[in-house]
Amino acid sequence: MTIFFLLAPFSVMLALLGLWGFWWTVRSGQYDDPAGDAARILLDDSDMGPPALIQVTAGGTDPE
């Protein structure tokens, strides 16, 4: 029973740490570009240089 008093707070702290990490990634913009990720996965970049920045607008890709 003693181990319960050690492991229960530890597991709660670990869960809170995971939630804080997820919240931090959401607030820092890690998930803000799903359209760019979807477009980049279709490109064959084996013979290309560094990936270019893809800007997406409401009407599709920006022709710049």
N, C-alpha and C. Protein backbone atom coordinates (compact mmCIF):
# COMPACT_ATOMS: atom_id res chain seq x y z
N MET A 1 0.82 -1.20 0.00
CA MET A 1 0.00 0.00 0.00
C MET A 1 0.86 1.26 0.00
N THR A 2 2.05 1.16 0.54
CA THR A 2 2.93 2.31 0.60
C THR A 2 3.38 2.75 -0.79
N ILE A 3 3.56 1.79 -1.68
CA ILE A 3 3.99 2.12 -3.04
C ILE A 3 2.93 2.94 -3.76
N PHE A 4 1.67 2.73 -3.40
CA PHE A 4 0.59 3.51 -4.00
C PHE A 4 0.76 5.00 -3.70
N PHE A 5 1.16 5.33 -2.48
CA PHE A 5 1.34 6.73 -2.10
C PHE A 5 2.55 7.37 -2.79
N LEU A 6 3.42 6.55 -3.30
CA LEU A 6 4.56 7.05 -4.06
C LEU A 6 4.23 7.16 -5.55
N LEU A 7 3.59 6.14 -6.09
CA LEU A 7 3.34 6.10 -7.53
C LEU A 7 2.16 6.96 -7.97
N ALA A 8 1.15 7.12 -7.15
CA ALA A 8 -0.01 7.93 -7.54
C ALA A 8 0.36 9.39 -7.79
N PRO A 9 1.06 10.07 -6.89
CA PRO A 9 1.45 11.45 -7.19
C PRO A 9 2.43 11.54 -8.35
N PHE A 10 3.30 10.55 -8.47
CA PHE A 10 4.24 10.54 -9.58
C PHE A 10 3.51 10.43 -10.92
N SER A 11 2.50 9.59 -11.00
CA SER A 11 1.76 9.43 -12.25
C SER A 11 0.92 10.68 -12.57
N VAL A 12 0.40 11.33 -11.54
CA VAL A 12 -0.35 12.57 -11.76
C VAL A 12 0.58 13.66 -12.27
N MET A 13 1.77 13.76 -11.69
CA MET A 13 2.75 14.76 -12.15
C MET A 13 3.21 14.47 -13.58
N LEU A 14 3.38 13.21 -13.92
CA LEU A 14 3.78 12.83 -15.27
C LEU A 14 2.68 13.18 -16.27
N ALA A 15 1.43 12.94 -15.91
CA ALA A 15 0.31 13.30 -16.78
C ALA A 15 0.22 14.82 -16.96
N LEU A 16 0.42 15.56 -15.88
CA LEU A 16 0.39 17.02 -15.98
C LEU A 16 1.54 17.54 -16.84
N LEU A 17 2.69 16.91 -16.75
CA LEU A 17 3.82 17.28 -17.58
C LEU A 17 3.52 17.03 -19.06
N GLY A 18 2.87 15.92 -19.36
CA GLY A 18 2.47 15.63 -20.74
C GLY A 18 1.44 16.62 -21.26
N LEU A 19 0.48 16.97 -20.43
CA LEU A 19 -0.51 17.97 -20.84
C LEU A 19 0.12 19.34 -21.05
N TRP A 20 1.06 19.70 -20.19
CA TRP A 20 1.76 20.97 -20.36
C TRP A 20 2.56 20.97 -21.66
N GLY A 21 3.22 19.87 -21.98
CA GLY A 21 3.98 19.77 -23.22
C GLY A 21 3.08 19.89 -24.44
N PHE A 22 1.93 19.24 -24.41
CA PHE A 22 0.99 19.34 -25.52
C PHE A 22 0.48 20.77 -25.66
N TRP A 23 0.12 21.38 -24.54
CA TRP A 23 -0.37 22.77 -24.57
C TRP A 23 0.70 23.71 -25.12
N TRP A 24 1.95 23.48 -24.75
CA TRP A 24 3.04 24.31 -25.24
C TRP A 24 3.20 24.19 -26.76
N THR A 25 3.08 22.97 -27.29
CA THR A 25 3.20 22.81 -28.74
C THR A 25 2.03 23.47 -29.46
N VAL A 26 0.84 23.42 -28.89
CA VAL A 26 -0.31 24.08 -29.52
C VAL A 26 -0.11 25.59 -29.51
N ARG A 27 0.33 26.13 -28.39
CA ARG A 27 0.51 27.58 -28.27
C ARG A 27 1.67 28.09 -29.12
N SER A 28 2.67 27.27 -29.40
CA SER A 28 3.82 27.72 -30.17
C SER A 28 3.64 27.53 -31.67
N GLY A 29 2.48 27.00 -32.10
CA GLY A 29 2.18 26.92 -33.52
C GLY A 29 2.70 25.68 -34.23
N GLN A 30 2.90 24.59 -33.52
CA GLN A 30 3.42 23.39 -34.15
C GLN A 30 2.42 22.75 -35.11
N TYR A 31 1.15 23.02 -34.95
CA TYR A 31 0.12 22.36 -35.76
C TYR A 31 -0.60 23.35 -36.68
N ASP A 32 0.04 24.46 -37.03
CA ASP A 32 -0.64 25.52 -37.78
C ASP A 32 -0.61 25.36 -39.29
N ASP A 33 0.13 24.43 -39.85
CA ASP A 33 0.28 24.34 -41.29
C ASP A 33 -0.06 22.95 -41.84
N PRO A 34 -1.28 22.45 -41.65
CA PRO A 34 -1.59 21.12 -42.17
C PRO A 34 -1.64 21.08 -43.70
N ALA A 35 -2.00 22.18 -44.36
CA ALA A 35 -2.04 22.18 -45.82
C ALA A 35 -0.63 22.12 -46.40
N GLY A 36 0.31 22.80 -45.78
CA GLY A 36 1.70 22.74 -46.25
C GLY A 36 2.30 21.36 -46.06
N ASP A 37 1.98 20.72 -44.94
CA ASP A 37 2.47 19.36 -44.71
C ASP A 37 1.89 18.40 -45.74
N ALA A 38 0.62 18.57 -46.06
CA ALA A 38 -0.02 17.70 -47.05
C ALA A 38 0.60 17.90 -48.44
N ALA A 39 0.98 19.12 -48.77
CA ALA A 39 1.59 19.38 -50.07
C ALA A 39 3.03 18.87 -50.11
N ARG A 40 3.77 19.02 -49.03
CA ARG A 40 5.17 18.60 -49.01
C ARG A 40 5.34 17.10 -49.10
N ILE A 41 4.38 16.34 -48.61
CA ILE A 41 4.54 14.89 -48.64
C ILE A 41 4.43 14.35 -50.06
N LEU A 42 3.82 15.11 -50.95
CA LEU A 42 3.67 14.68 -52.34
C LEU A 42 4.87 15.02 -53.20
N LEU A 43 5.77 15.87 -52.73
CA LEU A 43 6.93 16.29 -53.51
C LEU A 43 8.05 15.26 -53.40
N ASP A 44 8.73 15.05 -54.54
CA ASP A 44 9.90 14.19 -54.55
C ASP A 44 11.11 15.08 -54.37
N ASP A 45 11.64 15.12 -53.17
CA ASP A 45 12.72 16.05 -52.88
C ASP A 45 14.10 15.40 -52.88
N SER A 46 14.24 14.24 -53.49
CA SER A 46 15.53 13.58 -53.48
C SER A 46 16.57 14.33 -54.31
N ASP A 47 16.16 15.04 -55.35
CA ASP A 47 17.11 15.77 -56.19
C ASP A 47 16.95 17.29 -56.04
N MET A 48 16.20 17.73 -55.09
CA MET A 48 15.97 19.15 -54.88
C MET A 48 16.81 19.64 -53.70
N GLY A 49 16.95 20.96 -53.60
CA GLY A 49 17.64 21.57 -52.47
C GLY A 49 16.74 21.62 -51.27
N PRO A 50 16.94 22.60 -50.42
CA PRO A 50 16.08 22.75 -49.25
C PRO A 50 14.64 23.05 -49.67
N PRO A 51 13.67 22.60 -48.91
CA PRO A 51 12.27 22.83 -49.28
C PRO A 51 11.92 24.32 -49.24
N ALA A 52 11.11 24.72 -50.21
CA ALA A 52 10.67 26.11 -50.29
C ALA A 52 9.48 26.32 -49.36
N LEU A 53 9.28 27.56 -48.96
CA LEU A 53 8.15 27.90 -48.12
C LEU A 53 6.90 27.91 -48.98
N ILE A 54 5.90 27.14 -48.60
CA ILE A 54 4.64 27.07 -49.34
C ILE A 54 3.62 27.88 -48.58
N GLN A 55 3.09 28.93 -49.23
CA GLN A 55 2.06 29.74 -48.60
C GLN A 55 0.70 29.35 -49.16
N VAL A 56 -0.23 29.10 -48.29
CA VAL A 56 -1.56 28.66 -48.69
C VAL A 56 -2.56 29.74 -48.30
N THR A 57 -3.43 30.11 -49.26
CA THR A 57 -4.49 31.07 -48.99
C THR A 57 -5.82 30.33 -49.07
N ALA A 58 -6.90 31.06 -48.89
CA ALA A 58 -8.23 30.45 -48.91
C ALA A 58 -8.55 29.90 -50.30
N GLY A 59 -8.01 30.48 -51.37
CA GLY A 59 -8.32 30.03 -52.72
C GLY A 59 -7.36 28.99 -53.26
N GLY A 60 -6.38 28.57 -52.50
CA GLY A 60 -5.41 27.59 -52.98
C GLY A 60 -4.02 28.10 -52.69
N THR A 61 -3.04 27.63 -53.46
CA THR A 61 -1.66 28.06 -53.22
C THR A 61 -1.43 29.44 -53.81
N ASP A 62 -0.56 30.19 -53.20
CA ASP A 62 -0.22 31.54 -53.65
C ASP A 62 0.77 31.44 -54.79
N PRO A 63 0.51 32.03 -55.97
CA PRO A 63 1.37 31.86 -57.14
C PRO A 63 2.65 32.68 -57.09
N GLU A 64 3.06 33.22 -55.98
CA GLU A 64 4.26 34.05 -55.91
C GLU A 64 5.49 33.28 -56.24
